[in-house]
């Protein structure tokens, strides 16, 4: 599932709202080990564009 969500997030990264929606789905669906990896990947790949959105989604799960 992790690779699936990475693919989806990459494909919707052109749109802020879609990115946030799909990231929210990923956070709800993945287990904690996968979440940690997704978090690192998101910050590496999209942190410059969507840092606040990523922060918001990962703060909500803690």
N, C-alpha and C. Protein backbone atom coordinates (compact mmCIF):
# COMPACT_ATOMS: atom_id res chain seq x y z
N UNK A 1 0.82 -1.20 0.00
CA UNK A 1 0.00 0.00 0.00
C UNK A 1 0.86 1.26 0.00
N UNK A 2 2.00 1.21 0.65
CA UNK A 2 2.87 2.38 0.72
C UNK A 2 3.27 2.84 -0.68
N UNK A 3 3.69 1.92 -1.51
CA UNK A 3 4.11 2.28 -2.87
C UNK A 3 2.93 2.82 -3.69
N UNK A 4 1.77 2.27 -3.45
CA UNK A 4 0.55 2.74 -4.12
C UNK A 4 0.32 4.21 -3.78
N UNK A 5 0.37 4.54 -2.48
CA UNK A 5 0.13 5.92 -2.07
C UNK A 5 1.22 6.87 -2.56
N UNK A 6 2.45 6.40 -2.62
CA UNK A 6 3.52 7.24 -3.19
C UNK A 6 3.21 7.57 -4.64
N UNK A 7 2.75 6.58 -5.39
CA UNK A 7 2.40 6.79 -6.79
C UNK A 7 1.27 7.80 -6.92
N UNK A 8 0.24 7.61 -6.13
CA UNK A 8 -0.92 8.51 -6.18
C UNK A 8 -0.50 9.93 -5.81
N UNK A 9 0.25 10.09 -4.73
CA UNK A 9 0.67 11.42 -4.31
C UNK A 9 1.53 12.10 -5.36
N UNK A 10 2.37 11.35 -6.01
CA UNK A 10 3.18 11.92 -7.10
C UNK A 10 2.31 12.40 -8.24
N UNK A 11 1.28 11.63 -8.55
CA UNK A 11 0.41 11.98 -9.68
C UNK A 11 -0.49 13.17 -9.39
N UNK A 12 -0.87 13.39 -8.13
CA UNK A 12 -1.77 14.51 -7.80
C UNK A 12 -1.03 15.71 -7.22
N UNK A 13 0.28 15.67 -7.24
CA UNK A 13 1.06 16.73 -6.60
C UNK A 13 0.90 18.09 -7.28
N UNK A 14 0.30 18.12 -8.46
CA UNK A 14 0.07 19.39 -9.16
C UNK A 14 -1.04 20.21 -8.51
N UNK A 15 -1.87 19.55 -7.68
CA UNK A 15 -3.03 20.21 -7.09
C UNK A 15 -2.99 20.10 -5.56
N UNK A 16 -2.96 21.23 -4.91
CA UNK A 16 -2.84 21.27 -3.44
C UNK A 16 -3.97 20.51 -2.73
N UNK A 17 -5.20 20.73 -3.17
CA UNK A 17 -6.33 20.08 -2.51
C UNK A 17 -6.34 18.57 -2.71
N UNK A 18 -6.04 18.14 -3.92
CA UNK A 18 -5.98 16.70 -4.19
C UNK A 18 -4.85 16.05 -3.40
N UNK A 19 -3.72 16.71 -3.34
CA UNK A 19 -2.58 16.19 -2.59
C UNK A 19 -2.97 15.99 -1.13
N UNK A 20 -3.60 17.00 -0.54
CA UNK A 20 -3.99 16.90 0.87
C UNK A 20 -5.02 15.78 1.08
N UNK A 21 -5.97 15.67 0.18
CA UNK A 21 -7.01 14.63 0.28
C UNK A 21 -6.39 13.23 0.22
N UNK A 22 -5.49 13.03 -0.73
CA UNK A 22 -4.86 11.71 -0.88
C UNK A 22 -3.89 11.42 0.27
N UNK A 23 -3.22 12.43 0.76
CA UNK A 23 -2.33 12.23 1.91
C UNK A 23 -3.14 11.84 3.14
N UNK A 24 -4.30 12.47 3.31
CA UNK A 24 -5.18 12.13 4.43
C UNK A 24 -5.61 10.67 4.34
N UNK A 25 -5.96 10.21 3.15
CA UNK A 25 -6.34 8.80 2.94
C UNK A 25 -5.17 7.87 3.30
N UNK A 26 -3.99 8.24 2.86
CA UNK A 26 -2.81 7.42 3.12
C UNK A 26 -2.56 7.30 4.62
N UNK A 27 -2.64 8.41 5.31
CA UNK A 27 -2.39 8.43 6.76
C UNK A 27 -3.39 7.53 7.49
N UNK A 28 -4.62 7.53 7.04
CA UNK A 28 -5.66 6.69 7.66
C UNK A 28 -5.47 5.21 7.35
N UNK A 29 -4.83 4.90 6.23
CA UNK A 29 -4.77 3.52 5.75
C UNK A 29 -3.51 2.75 6.14
N UNK A 30 -2.43 3.45 6.38
CA UNK A 30 -1.14 2.77 6.58
C UNK A 30 -0.86 2.46 8.05
N UNK A 31 -0.01 1.47 8.28
CA UNK A 31 0.41 1.14 9.63
C UNK A 31 1.57 2.05 10.03
N UNK A 32 1.92 2.06 11.30
CA UNK A 32 2.88 3.05 11.82
C UNK A 32 4.25 3.01 11.15
N UNK A 33 4.78 1.82 10.85
CA UNK A 33 6.08 1.75 10.18
C UNK A 33 6.02 2.38 8.79
N UNK A 34 4.93 2.11 8.09
CA UNK A 34 4.75 2.67 6.76
C UNK A 34 4.55 4.19 6.84
N UNK A 35 3.85 4.63 7.87
CA UNK A 35 3.62 6.07 8.04
C UNK A 35 4.93 6.82 8.21
N UNK A 36 5.83 6.27 8.98
CA UNK A 36 7.12 6.91 9.20
C UNK A 36 7.89 7.03 7.89
N UNK A 37 7.86 5.99 7.09
CA UNK A 37 8.53 6.03 5.80
C UNK A 37 7.85 7.02 4.85
N UNK A 38 6.52 7.03 4.86
CA UNK A 38 5.78 7.97 4.01
C UNK A 38 6.09 9.41 4.41
N UNK A 39 6.15 9.65 5.69
CA UNK A 39 6.45 11.00 6.19
C UNK A 39 7.81 11.48 5.67
N UNK A 40 8.82 10.65 5.79
CA UNK A 40 10.16 11.02 5.31
C UNK A 40 10.13 11.26 3.80
N UNK A 41 9.47 10.39 3.08
CA UNK A 41 9.39 10.51 1.63
C UNK A 41 8.66 11.80 1.23
N UNK A 42 7.57 12.10 1.90
CA UNK A 42 6.80 13.31 1.59
C UNK A 42 7.63 14.57 1.81
N UNK A 43 8.33 14.63 2.94
CA UNK A 43 9.14 15.81 3.20
C UNK A 43 10.28 15.94 2.20
N UNK A 44 10.87 14.82 1.82
CA UNK A 44 11.97 14.85 0.85
C UNK A 44 11.48 15.31 -0.52
N UNK A 45 10.37 14.74 -0.95
CA UNK A 45 9.90 14.99 -2.32
C UNK A 45 9.03 16.25 -2.45
N UNK A 46 8.22 16.54 -1.44
CA UNK A 46 7.23 17.63 -1.56
C UNK A 46 7.30 18.67 -0.44
N UNK A 47 8.25 18.54 0.44
CA UNK A 47 8.35 19.46 1.57
C UNK A 47 8.44 20.92 1.15
N UNK A 48 9.14 21.19 0.08
CA UNK A 48 9.30 22.57 -0.39
C UNK A 48 7.98 23.16 -0.89
N UNK A 49 7.08 22.33 -1.37
CA UNK A 49 5.80 22.80 -1.91
C UNK A 49 4.68 22.72 -0.88
N UNK A 50 4.65 21.60 -0.14
CA UNK A 50 3.50 21.30 0.71
C UNK A 50 3.87 21.03 2.17
N UNK A 51 4.95 21.64 2.63
CA UNK A 51 5.38 21.42 4.02
C UNK A 51 4.27 21.58 5.05
N UNK A 52 3.52 22.70 5.01
CA UNK A 52 2.44 22.89 6.00
C UNK A 52 1.34 21.82 5.93
N UNK A 53 1.04 21.38 4.72
CA UNK A 53 0.01 20.33 4.56
C UNK A 53 0.52 19.01 5.14
N UNK A 54 1.76 18.70 4.88
CA UNK A 54 2.35 17.47 5.42
C UNK A 54 2.40 17.54 6.93
N UNK A 55 2.82 18.69 7.46
CA UNK A 55 2.85 18.89 8.92
C UNK A 55 1.47 18.62 9.52
N UNK A 56 0.47 19.22 8.92
CA UNK A 56 -0.91 19.11 9.43
C UNK A 56 -1.38 17.65 9.46
N UNK A 57 -1.14 16.92 8.41
CA UNK A 57 -1.62 15.54 8.35
C UNK A 57 -0.89 14.63 9.32
N UNK A 58 0.40 14.83 9.50
CA UNK A 58 1.14 13.96 10.39
C UNK A 58 1.02 14.36 11.85
N UNK A 59 0.70 15.62 12.13
CA UNK A 59 0.45 16.03 13.51
C UNK A 59 -0.87 15.42 13.99
N UNK A 60 -1.82 15.31 13.10
CA UNK A 60 -3.13 14.79 13.46
C UNK A 60 -3.08 13.33 13.92
N UNK A 61 -2.08 12.57 13.49
CA UNK A 61 -2.05 11.15 13.85
C UNK A 61 -1.33 10.90 15.15
N UNK A 62 -0.64 11.87 15.67
CA UNK A 62 0.13 11.65 16.90
C UNK A 62 -0.66 11.96 18.13
